[in-house]
Amino acid sequence: MDKINSRDFRVGHGEAVHLHKWPTKVKPVYKSKQQYKELLEKHVSELSKLQQLHYASNRYALLLIFQGMDAAGKDGAIRHVMSGVNPEGCEVSSFKQPSADELEHDFLWRTNQKLPERGRIGIFNRSYYEEVLVIRVHPEMLLKQGLAEELRNDKEIWRGRYRSMVDLESHLDRNGTKTIKIFLHLSEAEQRRRFLKRIDEPDKNWKFSAADIHERKSWKHYKSAYEDCLSATSTHHAPWFVVPADDKENARLIVSQIVLDALGDLKMAYPKTTKKRWLELKAIGKQLKN
């Protein structure tokens, strides 16, 4: 088995991203389904221990952002990788079409309500990055946001939103929230295969929507939007990782390693017991024994 080096998938600060140069499939790190399960179980166990330390330390927060085309495997990656994490220390938030109330605020407002507290892991299944992805592909949606006409200048609005996102993540970093952004990189052919599977298998029919086919027609536009977004917003303190997603199992192992590395980089320790507290605990223990 080859060891996963998460840096192989990291977008460098200021790096121009051309997705055709980033593979959607790489040599798997597992040799069989059984070995995949064993490796994932090991990662999940290690993640559970680190999350417990993270919760007890209560000094940092970790924000994980998942983006990708439809059927890229965001739900599955989150479900499998985070399966061993204590729900008390983790919250998953999914962001779909904004409500009328959310549209009355700036585009970062609704996601800011879900930022993780210290000691917690927050997971965004889609995020504020939709504002420079789906909104860019469908700019008519900007009309629903009630922005003044001069604020909808096509030459400036996307650069302005990139800056707002980078500024937010820089602010979070200065205040103890580590942001890790994962783009599940799926090929057009694999998306087609997964869509057909959702149609052919009755228990997967609920996953398929006619809107998925409509969005698939804009594949090239989404690719371009993602390239600009990844290039403009991957920074030292909040990097993007482009994870090959055609092999779901391999993608989950890579994602779990990225999360493990992110938690491992934090300077965490269990709270030290003071002498006064230790004497109190000894006294309580003595009472219990008697």
C-alpha atoms as a PDB file:
ATOM      1  CA  MET A   1       0.000   0.000   0.000  1.00  0.00           C
ATOM      2  CA  ASP A   2       1.254   3.479  -0.890  1.00  0.00           C
ATOM      3  CA  LYS A   3       1.084   6.038   1.907  1.00  0.00           C
ATOM      4  CA  ILE A   4      -1.264   8.927   1.165  1.00  0.00           C
ATOM      5  CA  ASN A   5       0.489  12.279   1.023  1.00  0.00           C
ATOM      6  CA  SER A   6      -2.280  14.879   1.303  1.00  0.00           C
ATOM      7  CA  ARG A   7       0.034  17.556  -0.114  1.00  0.00           C
ATOM      8  CA  ASP A   8      -0.134  15.801  -3.491  1.00  0.00           C
ATOM      9  CA  PHE A   9      -3.707  17.044  -3.771  1.00  0.00           C
ATOM     10  CA  ARG A  10      -3.236  20.527  -2.327  1.00  0.00           C
ATOM     11  CA  VAL A  11      -3.602  23.635  -4.494  1.00  0.00           C
ATOM     12  CA  GLY A  12      -0.724  26.006  -3.822  1.00  0.00           C
ATOM     13  CA  HIS A  13      -1.274  29.610  -2.798  1.00  0.00           C
ATOM     14  CA  GLY A  14      -1.677  31.648  -5.996  1.00  0.00           C
ATOM     15  CA  GLU A  15      -1.472  28.537  -8.189  1.00  0.00           C
ATOM     16  CA  ALA A  16      -3.389  28.720 -11.469  1.00  0.00           C
ATOM     17  CA  VAL A  17      -5.648  25.666 -11.619  1.00  0.00           C
ATOM     18  CA  HIS A  18      -6.353  23.906 -14.917  1.00  0.00           C
ATOM     19  CA  LEU A  19      -8.560  20.954 -14.052  1.00  0.00           C
ATOM     20  CA  HIS A  20      -7.612  18.917 -17.123  1.00  0.00           C
ATOM     21  CA  LYS A  21      -4.165  18.634 -15.528  1.00  0.00           C
ATOM     22  CA  TRP A  22      -5.622  17.259 -12.277  1.00  0.00           C
ATOM     23  CA  PRO A  23      -6.614  13.560 -12.492  1.00  0.00           C
ATOM     24  CA  THR A  24     -10.093  12.361 -11.630  1.00  0.00           C
ATOM     25  CA  LYS A  25      -8.670   8.912 -10.897  1.00  0.00           C
ATOM     26  CA  VAL A  26      -5.324   7.786  -9.486  1.00  0.00           C
ATOM     27  CA  LYS A  27      -3.772   4.469  -8.521  1.00  0.00           C
ATOM     28  CA  PRO A  28      -5.786   3.234  -5.518  1.00  0.00           C
ATOM     29  CA  VAL A  29      -4.065   2.948  -2.171  1.00  0.00           C
ATOM     30  CA  TYR A  30      -5.954  -0.282  -1.451  1.00  0.00           C
ATOM     31  CA  LYS A  31      -5.634  -3.660  -3.197  1.00  0.00           C
ATOM     32  CA  SER A  32      -9.036  -5.112  -2.341  1.00  0.00           C
ATOM     33  CA  LYS A  33     -12.414  -4.123  -0.918  1.00  0.00           C
ATOM     34  CA  GLN A  34     -11.455  -5.768   2.345  1.00  0.00           C
ATOM     35  CA  GLN A  35      -8.245  -3.768   2.595  1.00  0.00           C
ATOM     36  CA  TYR A  36     -10.189  -0.589   1.797  1.00  0.00           C
ATOM     37  CA  LYS A  37     -12.529  -1.299   4.711  1.00  0.00           C
ATOM     38  CA  GLU A  38      -9.592  -1.973   7.035  1.00  0.00           C
ATOM     39  CA  LEU A  39      -7.801   1.222   6.009  1.00  0.00           C
ATOM     40  CA  LEU A  40     -10.927   3.342   6.370  1.00  0.00           C
ATOM     41  CA  GLU A  41     -11.668   1.785   9.755  1.00  0.00           C
ATOM     42  CA  LYS A  42      -8.133   2.647  10.865  1.00  0.00           C
ATOM     43  CA  HIS A  43      -8.502   6.236   9.677  1.00  0.00           C
ATOM     44  CA  VAL A  44     -11.895   6.579  11.351  1.00  0.00           C
ATOM     45  CA  SER A  45     -10.476   5.237  14.626  1.00  0.00           C
ATOM     46  CA  GLU A  46      -7.556   7.696  14.516  1.00  0.00           C
ATOM     47  CA  LEU A  47      -9.942  10.504  13.647  1.00  0.00           C
ATOM     48  CA  SER A  48     -12.162   9.635  16.599  1.00  0.00           C
ATOM     49  CA  LYS A  49      -9.208   9.913  18.986  1.00  0.00           C
ATOM     50  CA  LEU A  50      -8.078  13.233  17.514  1.00  0.00           C
ATOM     51  CA  GLN A  51     -11.623  14.596  17.614  1.00  0.00           C
ATOM     52  CA  GLN A  52     -11.893  13.685  21.307  1.00  0.00           C
ATOM     53  CA  LEU A  53      -8.629  15.545  21.963  1.00  0.00           C
ATOM     54  CA  HIS A  54      -9.866  18.463  19.849  1.00  0.00           C
ATOM     55  CA  TYR A  55     -13.087  18.626  21.882  1.00  0.00           C
ATOM     56  CA  ALA A  56     -11.280  18.420  25.228  1.00  0.00           C
ATOM     57  CA  SER A  57      -8.600  20.947  24.249  1.00  0.00           C
ATOM     58  CA  ASN A  58     -11.286  23.470  23.219  1.00  0.00           C
ATOM     59  CA  ARG A  59      -8.788  25.873  21.637  1.00  0.00           C
ATOM     60  CA  TYR A  60      -9.489  25.560  17.923  1.00  0.00           C
ATOM     61  CA  ALA A  61     -12.367  24.903  15.547  1.00  0.00           C
ATOM     62  CA  LEU A  62     -12.142  22.967  12.281  1.00  0.00           C
ATOM     63  CA  LEU A  63     -14.273  23.871   9.265  1.00  0.00           C
ATOM     64  CA  LEU A  64     -14.432  21.330   6.425  1.00  0.00           C
ATOM     65  CA  ILE A  65     -15.942  22.510   3.140  1.00  0.00           C
ATOM     66  CA  PHE A  66     -17.017  19.997   0.494  1.00  0.00           C
ATOM     67  CA  GLN A  67     -17.712  21.073  -3.079  1.00  0.00           C
ATOM     68  CA  GLY A  68     -18.132  19.142  -6.298  1.00  0.00           C
ATOM     69  CA  MET A  69     -20.380  18.480  -9.251  1.00  0.00           C
ATOM     70  CA  ASP A  70     -23.601  16.520  -8.771  1.00  0.00           C
ATOM     71  CA  ALA A  71     -22.891  12.834  -7.934  1.00  0.00           C
ATOM     72  CA  ALA A  72     -19.275  13.602  -6.982  1.00  0.00           C
ATOM     73  CA  GLY A  73     -19.760  11.718  -3.683  1.00  0.00           C
ATOM     74  CA  LYS A  74     -19.926  14.529  -1.120  1.00  0.00           C
ATOM     75  CA  ASP A  75     -22.620  12.868   1.008  1.00  0.00           C
ATOM     76  CA  GLY A  76     -20.879   9.485   0.960  1.00  0.00           C
ATOM     77  CA  ALA A  77     -17.471  10.939   1.834  1.00  0.00           C
ATOM     78  CA  ILE A  78     -18.915  12.849   4.782  1.00  0.00           C
ATOM     79  CA  ARG A  79     -20.918   9.853   5.996  1.00  0.00           C
ATOM     80  CA  HIS A  80     -18.082   7.320   5.787  1.00  0.00           C
ATOM     81  CA  VAL A  81     -15.163   9.463   6.918  1.00  0.00           C
ATOM     82  CA  MET A  82     -16.959  11.042   9.866  1.00  0.00           C
ATOM     83  CA  SER A  83     -18.773   7.865  10.948  1.00  0.00           C
ATOM     84  CA  GLY A  84     -16.658   7.466  14.101  1.00  0.00           C
ATOM     85  CA  VAL A  85     -16.850  11.076  15.262  1.00  0.00           C
ATOM     86  CA  ASN A  86     -18.908  11.882  18.349  1.00  0.00           C
ATOM     87  CA  PRO A  87     -22.003  13.762  17.069  1.00  0.00           C
ATOM     88  CA  GLU A  88     -21.710  16.074  20.086  1.00  0.00           C
ATOM     89  CA  GLY A  89     -18.523  17.534  18.622  1.00  0.00           C
ATOM     90  CA  CYS A  90     -19.513  17.697  14.954  1.00  0.00           C
ATOM     91  CA  GLU A  91     -22.244  19.361  12.892  1.00  0.00           C
ATOM     92  CA  VAL A  92     -23.015  18.926   9.188  1.00  0.00           C
ATOM     93  CA  SER A  93     -24.757  21.785   7.379  1.00  0.00           C
ATOM     94  CA  SER A  94     -26.117  21.520   3.838  1.00  0.00           C
ATOM     95  CA  PHE A  95     -26.824  24.668   1.856  1.00  0.00           C
ATOM     96  CA  LYS A  96     -29.363  24.524  -0.918  1.00  0.00           C
ATOM     97  CA  GLN A  97     -31.454  27.285  -2.481  1.00  0.00           C
ATOM     98  CA  PRO A  98     -31.494  30.283  -0.092  1.00  0.00           C
ATOM     99  CA  SER A  99     -34.715  31.265   1.656  1.00  0.00           C
ATOM    100  CA  ALA A 100     -36.406  34.661   1.272  1.00  0.00           C
ATOM    101  CA  ASP A 101     -34.992  35.727   4.640  1.00  0.00           C
ATOM    102  CA  GLU A 102     -31.459  34.662   3.681  1.00  0.00           C
ATOM    103  CA  LEU A 103     -31.689  36.625   0.436  1.00  0.00           C
ATOM    104  CA  GLU A 104     -32.240  39.789   2.457  1.00  0.00           C
ATOM    105  CA  HIS A 105     -28.711  39.536   3.881  1.00  0.00           C
ATOM    106  CA  ASP A 106     -25.224  39.513   2.387  1.00  0.00           C
ATOM    107  CA  PHE A 107     -24.195  36.257   0.715  1.00  0.00           C
ATOM    108  CA  LEU A 108     -22.014  35.104   3.643  1.00  0.00           C
ATOM    109  CA  TRP A 109     -24.682  35.627   6.304  1.00  0.00           C
ATOM    110  CA  ARG A 110     -26.450  32.258   6.200  1.00  0.00           C
ATOM    111  CA  THR A 111     -23.254  30.203   6.305  1.00  0.00           C
ATOM    112  CA  ASN A 112     -21.785  32.336   9.094  1.00  0.00           C
ATOM    113  CA  GLN A 113     -24.648  31.177  11.316  1.00  0.00           C
ATOM    114  CA  LYS A 114     -23.290  27.634  11.074  1.00  0.00           C
ATOM    115  CA  LEU A 115     -19.591  28.219  11.741  1.00  0.00           C
ATOM    116  CA  PRO A 116     -18.225  25.732  14.316  1.00  0.00           C
ATOM    117  CA  GLU A 117     -17.502  26.629  17.926  1.00  0.00           C
ATOM    118  CA  ARG A 118     -14.108  25.993  19.502  1.00  0.00           C
ATOM    119  CA  GLY A 119     -13.563  22.290  20.071  1.00  0.00           C
ATOM    120  CA  ARG A 120     -16.012  21.371  17.307  1.00  0.00           C
ATOM    121  CA  ILE A 121     -15.840  20.274  13.690  1.00  0.00           C
ATOM    122  CA  GLY A 122     -18.178  22.005  11.277  1.00  0.00           C
ATOM    123  CA  ILE A 123     -18.855  20.424   7.890  1.00  0.00           C
ATOM    124  CA  PHE A 124     -20.349  22.382   5.003  1.00  0.00           C
ATOM    125  CA  ASN A 125     -21.922  20.190   2.315  1.00  0.00           C
ATOM    126  CA  ARG A 126     -21.748  22.921  -0.340  1.00  0.00           C
ATOM    127  CA  SER A 127     -21.085  26.365   1.040  1.00  0.00           C
ATOM    128  CA  TYR A 128     -20.707  30.059   0.352  1.00  0.00           C
ATOM    129  CA  TYR A 129     -18.615  28.990  -2.636  1.00  0.00           C
ATOM    130  CA  GLU A 130     -21.873  28.303  -4.459  1.00  0.00           C
ATOM    131  CA  GLU A 131     -22.018  32.089  -4.787  1.00  0.00           C
ATOM    132  CA  VAL A 132     -19.162  32.028  -7.312  1.00  0.00           C
ATOM    133  CA  LEU A 133     -20.077  28.680  -8.872  1.00  0.00           C
ATOM    134  CA  VAL A 134     -23.787  28.106  -9.509  1.00  0.00           C
ATOM    135  CA  ILE A 135     -24.504  31.850  -9.352  1.00  0.00           C
ATOM    136  CA  ARG A 136     -21.730  32.520 -11.855  1.00  0.00           C
ATOM    137  CA  VAL A 137     -23.019  29.850 -14.222  1.00  0.00           C
ATOM    138  CA  HIS A 138     -26.552  31.217 -13.776  1.00  0.00           C
ATOM    139  CA  PRO A 139     -26.018  34.971 -13.237  1.00  0.00           C
ATOM    140  CA  GLU A 140     -29.754  35.611 -13.541  1.00  0.00           C
ATOM    141  CA  MET A 141     -29.959  34.340  -9.952  1.00  0.00           C
ATOM    142  CA  LEU A 142     -28.256  37.548  -8.837  1.00  0.00           C
ATOM    143  CA  LEU A 143     -31.511  39.378  -9.520  1.00  0.00           C
ATOM    144  CA  LYS A 144     -33.130  37.462  -6.640  1.00  0.00           C
ATOM    145  CA  GLN A 145     -30.470  38.765  -4.239  1.00  0.00           C
ATOM    146  CA  GLY A 146     -31.774  42.317  -4.454  1.00  0.00           C
ATOM    147  CA  LEU A 147     -28.368  43.843  -5.164  1.00  0.00           C
ATOM    148  CA  ALA A 148     -28.171  47.358  -6.551  1.00  0.00           C
ATOM    149  CA  GLU A 149     -27.421  47.413 -10.267  1.00  0.00           C
ATOM    150  CA  GLU A 150     -23.952  48.903  -9.778  1.00  0.00           C
ATOM    151  CA  LEU A 151     -23.073  45.998  -7.435  1.00  0.00           C
ATOM    152  CA  ARG A 152     -23.882  43.459 -10.129  1.00  0.00           C
ATOM    153  CA  ASN A 153     -21.056  44.614 -12.400  1.00  0.00           C
ATOM    154  CA  ASP A 154     -19.910  41.393 -14.046  1.00  0.00           C
ATOM    155  CA  LYS A 155     -16.277  42.518 -14.146  1.00  0.00           C
ATOM    156  CA  GLU A 156     -16.039  43.125 -10.413  1.00  0.00           C
ATOM    157  CA  ILE A 157     -18.586  41.014  -8.541  1.00  0.00           C
ATOM    158  CA  TRP A 158     -16.721  37.695  -8.742  1.00  0.00           C
ATOM    159  CA  ARG A 159     -13.373  39.186  -7.769  1.00  0.00           C
ATOM    160  CA  GLY A 160     -15.114  40.976  -4.919  1.00  0.00           C
ATOM    161  CA  ARG A 161     -16.682  37.762  -3.693  1.00  0.00           C
ATOM    162  CA  TYR A 162     -13.380  35.890  -3.891  1.00  0.00           C
ATOM    163  CA  ARG A 163     -11.857  38.631  -1.759  1.00  0.00           C
ATOM    164  CA  SER A 164     -14.699  38.439   0.778  1.00  0.00           C
ATOM    165  CA  MET A 165     -14.223  34.670   1.092  1.00  0.00           C
ATOM    166  CA  VAL A 166     -10.456  34.917   1.477  1.00  0.00           C
ATOM    167  CA  ASP A 167     -10.857  37.737   4.013  1.00  0.00           C
ATOM    168  CA  LEU A 168     -13.375  35.680   6.005  1.00  0.00           C
ATOM    169  CA  GLU A 169     -11.109  32.639   6.089  1.00  0.00           C
ATOM    170  CA  SER A 170      -8.149  34.804   7.082  1.00  0.00           C
ATOM    171  CA  HIS A 171     -10.231  36.269   9.929  1.00  0.00           C
ATOM    172  CA  LEU A 172     -11.275  32.777  11.045  1.00  0.00           C
ATOM    173  CA  ASP A 173      -7.664  31.584  10.985  1.00  0.00           C
ATOM    174  CA  ARG A 174      -6.557  34.503  13.179  1.00  0.00           C
ATOM    175  CA  ASN A 175      -9.248  33.535  15.647  1.00  0.00           C
ATOM    176  CA  GLY A 176      -8.546  29.812  15.849  1.00  0.00           C
ATOM    177  CA  THR A 177     -10.717  28.281  13.115  1.00  0.00           C
ATOM    178  CA  LYS A 178      -8.821  26.124  10.616  1.00  0.00           C
ATOM    179  CA  THR A 179     -10.527  25.888   7.222  1.00  0.00           C
ATOM    180  CA  ILE A 180      -9.943  22.944   4.878  1.00  0.00           C
ATOM    181  CA  LYS A 181     -11.662  22.940   1.483  1.00  0.00           C
ATOM    182  CA  ILE A 182     -12.154  19.758  -0.528  1.00  0.00           C
ATOM    183  CA  PHE A 183     -13.158  19.697  -4.188  1.00  0.00           C
ATOM    184  CA  LEU A 184     -14.209  16.213  -5.278  1.00  0.00           C
ATOM    185  CA  HIS A 185     -12.989  16.122  -8.871  1.00  0.00           C
ATOM    186  CA  LEU A 186     -15.342  13.951 -10.939  1.00  0.00           C
ATOM    187  CA  SER A 187     -15.109  13.205 -14.659  1.00  0.00           C
ATOM    188  CA  GLU A 188     -18.042  13.844 -16.974  1.00  0.00           C
ATOM    189  CA  ALA A 189     -18.083  10.171 -17.999  1.00  0.00           C
ATOM    190  CA  GLU A 190     -18.228   8.967 -14.380  1.00  0.00           C
ATOM    191  CA  GLN A 191     -21.038  11.389 -13.580  1.00  0.00           C
ATOM    192  CA  ARG A 192     -23.003   9.931 -16.507  1.00  0.00           C
ATOM    193  CA  ARG A 193     -22.412   6.396 -15.188  1.00  0.00           C
ATOM    194  CA  ARG A 194     -23.617   7.363 -11.706  1.00  0.00           C
ATOM    195  CA  PHE A 195     -26.695   9.118 -13.071  1.00  0.00           C
ATOM    196  CA  LEU A 196     -27.637   6.002 -15.062  1.00  0.00           C
ATOM    197  CA  LYS A 197     -27.158   3.893 -11.942  1.00  0.00           C
ATOM    198  CA  ARG A 198     -29.548   6.167 -10.045  1.00  0.00           C
ATOM    199  CA  ILE A 199     -32.123   5.609 -12.770  1.00  0.00           C
ATOM    200  CA  ASP A 200     -31.602   1.840 -13.095  1.00  0.00           C
ATOM    201  CA  GLU A 201     -31.613   1.019  -9.370  1.00  0.00           C
ATOM    202  CA  PRO A 202     -35.014   1.668  -7.689  1.00  0.00           C
ATOM    203  CA  ASP A 203     -33.494   2.363  -4.264  1.00  0.00           C
ATOM    204  CA  LYS A 204     -31.410   5.155  -5.834  1.00  0.00           C
ATOM    205  CA  ASN A 205     -34.221   6.797  -7.821  1.00  0.00           C
ATOM    206  CA  TRP A 206     -34.792   9.376  -5.098  1.00  0.00           C
ATOM    207  CA  LYS A 207     -31.288  10.752  -5.676  1.00  0.00           C
ATOM    208  CA  PHE A 208     -32.015  11.679  -9.276  1.00  0.00           C
ATOM    209  CA  SER A 209     -33.603  14.926 -10.412  1.00  0.00           C
ATOM    210  CA  ALA A 210     -34.351  16.320 -13.850  1.00  0.00           C
ATOM    211  CA  ALA A 211     -32.425  19.393 -12.710  1.00  0.00           C
ATOM    212  CA  ASP A 212     -29.275  17.242 -12.625  1.00  0.00           C
ATOM    213  CA  ILE A 213     -29.471  16.741 -16.400  1.00  0.00           C
ATOM    214  CA  HIS A 214     -30.113  20.460 -16.913  1.00  0.00           C
ATOM    215  CA  GLU A 215     -26.989  21.335 -14.906  1.00  0.00           C
ATOM    216  CA  ARG A 216     -24.937  18.710 -16.742  1.00  0.00           C
ATOM    217  CA  LYS A 217     -25.398  20.745 -19.934  1.00  0.00           C
ATOM    218  CA  SER A 218     -23.378  23.509 -18.259  1.00  0.00           C
ATOM    219  CA  TRP A 219     -20.424  21.221 -17.475  1.00  0.00           C
ATOM    220  CA  LYS A 220     -17.849  23.385 -19.300  1.00  0.00           C
ATOM    221  CA  HIS A 221     -19.117  26.540 -17.598  1.00  0.00           C
ATOM    222  CA  TYR A 222     -18.905  24.889 -14.171  1.00  0.00           C
ATOM    223  CA  LYS A 223     -15.391  23.657 -14.943  1.00  0.00           C
ATOM    224  CA  SER A 224     -14.306  27.185 -15.802  1.00  0.00           C
ATOM    225  CA  ALA A 225     -15.991  28.600 -12.672  1.00  0.00           C
ATOM    226  CA  TYR A 226     -14.262  26.019 -10.473  1.00  0.00           C
ATOM    227  CA  GLU A 227     -10.875  26.732 -12.036  1.00  0.00           C
ATOM    228  CA  ASP A 228     -11.184  30.459 -11.352  1.00  0.00           C
ATOM    229  CA  CYS A 229     -12.486  29.839  -7.839  1.00  0.00           C
ATOM    230  CA  LEU A 230      -9.779  27.358  -6.825  1.00  0.00           C
ATOM    231  CA  SER A 231      -7.065  29.579  -8.287  1.00  0.00           C
ATOM    232  CA  ALA A 232      -8.300  32.700  -6.496  1.00  0.00           C
ATOM    233  CA  THR A 233      -9.134  31.289  -3.063  1.00  0.00           C
ATOM    234  CA  SER A 234      -6.590  28.594  -2.153  1.00  0.00           C
ATOM    235  CA  THR A 235      -4.362  30.156   0.491  1.00  0.00           C
ATOM    236  CA  HIS A 236      -1.751  29.049   3.029  1.00  0.00           C
ATOM    237  CA  HIS A 237      -4.260  29.238   5.889  1.00  0.00           C
ATOM    238  CA  ALA A 238      -7.295  27.856   3.991  1.00  0.00           C
ATOM    239  CA  PRO A 239      -6.121  25.573   1.164  1.00  0.00           C
ATOM    240  CA  TRP A 240      -8.130  23.736  -1.444  1.00  0.00           C
ATOM    241  CA  PHE A 241      -7.539  20.031  -2.055  1.00  0.00           C
ATOM    242  CA  VAL A 242      -8.495  18.565  -5.450  1.00  0.00           C
ATOM    243  CA  VAL A 243      -9.416  14.956  -4.669  1.00  0.00           C
ATOM    244  CA  PRO A 244      -9.814  12.467  -7.572  1.00  0.00           C
ATOM    245  CA  ALA A 245     -13.422  11.302  -7.167  1.00  0.00           C
ATOM    246  CA  ASP A 246     -14.032   8.699  -9.890  1.00  0.00           C
ATOM    247  CA  ASP A 247     -13.090   5.976  -7.372  1.00  0.00           C
ATOM    248  CA  LYS A 248     -15.335   6.632  -4.355  1.00  0.00           C
ATOM    249  CA  GLU A 249     -13.429   4.369  -1.985  1.00  0.00           C
ATOM    250  CA  ASN A 250     -10.067   5.864  -2.847  1.00  0.00           C
ATOM    251  CA  ALA A 251     -11.502   9.376  -2.535  1.00  0.00           C
ATOM    252  CA  ARG A 252     -12.745   8.601   0.986  1.00  0.00           C
ATOM    253  CA  LEU A 253      -9.314   7.388   2.060  1.00  0.00           C
ATOM    254  CA  ILE A 254      -7.688  10.530   0.676  1.00  0.00           C
ATOM    255  CA  VAL A 255     -10.278  12.775   2.345  1.00  0.00           C
ATOM    256  CA  SER A 256      -9.845  11.025   5.685  1.00  0.00           C
ATOM    257  CA  GLN A 257      -6.068  11.504   5.471  1.00  0.00           C
ATOM    258  CA  ILE A 258      -6.525  15.210   4.713  1.00  0.00           C
ATOM    259  CA  VAL A 259      -8.757  15.601   7.781  1.00  0.00           C
ATOM    260  CA  LEU A 260      -6.339  13.625   9.957  1.00  0.00           C
ATOM    261  CA  ASP A 261      -3.459  15.843   8.856  1.00  0.00           C
ATOM    262  CA  ALA A 262      -5.480  18.993   9.497  1.00  0.00           C
ATOM    263  CA  LEU A 263      -6.310  17.954  13.053  1.00  0.00           C
ATOM    264  CA  GLY A 264      -2.782  16.685  13.641  1.00  0.00           C
ATOM    265  CA  ASP A 265      -1.354  20.080  12.699  1.00  0.00           C
ATOM    266  CA  LEU A 266      -3.269  21.800  15.502  1.00  0.00           C
ATOM    267  CA  LYS A 267      -1.424  22.298  18.776  1.00  0.00           C
ATOM    268  CA  MET A 268      -3.798  20.374  21.008  1.00  0.00           C
ATOM    269  CA  ALA A 269      -3.413  18.902  24.482  1.00  0.00           C
ATOM    270  CA  TYR A 270      -5.712  17.664  27.199  1.00  0.00           C
ATOM    271  CA  PRO A 271      -6.266  20.322  29.877  1.00  0.00           C
ATOM    272  CA  LYS A 272      -3.697  20.012  32.664  1.00  0.00           C
ATOM    273  CA  THR A 273      -4.990  19.289  36.145  1.00  0.00           C
ATOM    274  CA  THR A 274      -3.853  21.866  38.703  1.00  0.00           C
ATOM    275  CA  LYS A 275      -2.547  20.831  42.120  1.00  0.00           C
ATOM    276  CA  LYS A 276      -5.668  22.276  43.748  1.00  0.00           C
ATOM    277  CA  ARG A 277      -7.925  20.326  41.386  1.00  0.00           C
ATOM    278  CA  TRP A 278      -5.909  17.132  41.927  1.00  0.00           C
ATOM    279  CA  LEU A 279      -6.357  17.413  45.688  1.00  0.00           C
ATOM    280  CA  GLU A 280     -10.100  17.920  45.198  1.00  0.00           C
ATOM    281  CA  LEU A 281     -10.282  14.812  43.011  1.00  0.00           C
ATOM    282  CA  LYS A 282      -8.332  12.750  45.566  1.00  0.00           C
ATOM    283  CA  ALA A 283     -10.731  13.894  48.304  1.00  0.00           C
ATOM    284  CA  ILE A 284     -13.739  12.943  46.188  1.00  0.00           C
ATOM    285  CA  GLY A 285     -12.179   9.584  45.379  1.00  0.00           C
ATOM    286  CA  LYS A 286     -11.613   8.914  49.051  1.00  0.00           C
ATOM    287  CA  GLN A 287     -15.291   9.680  49.806  1.00  0.00           C
ATOM    288  CA  LEU A 288     -16.398   7.308  47.061  1.00  0.00           C
ATOM    289  CA  LYS A 289     -14.205   4.497  48.409  1.00  0.00           C
ATOM    290  CA  ASN A 290     -15.584   4.969  51.929  1.00  0.00           C
END
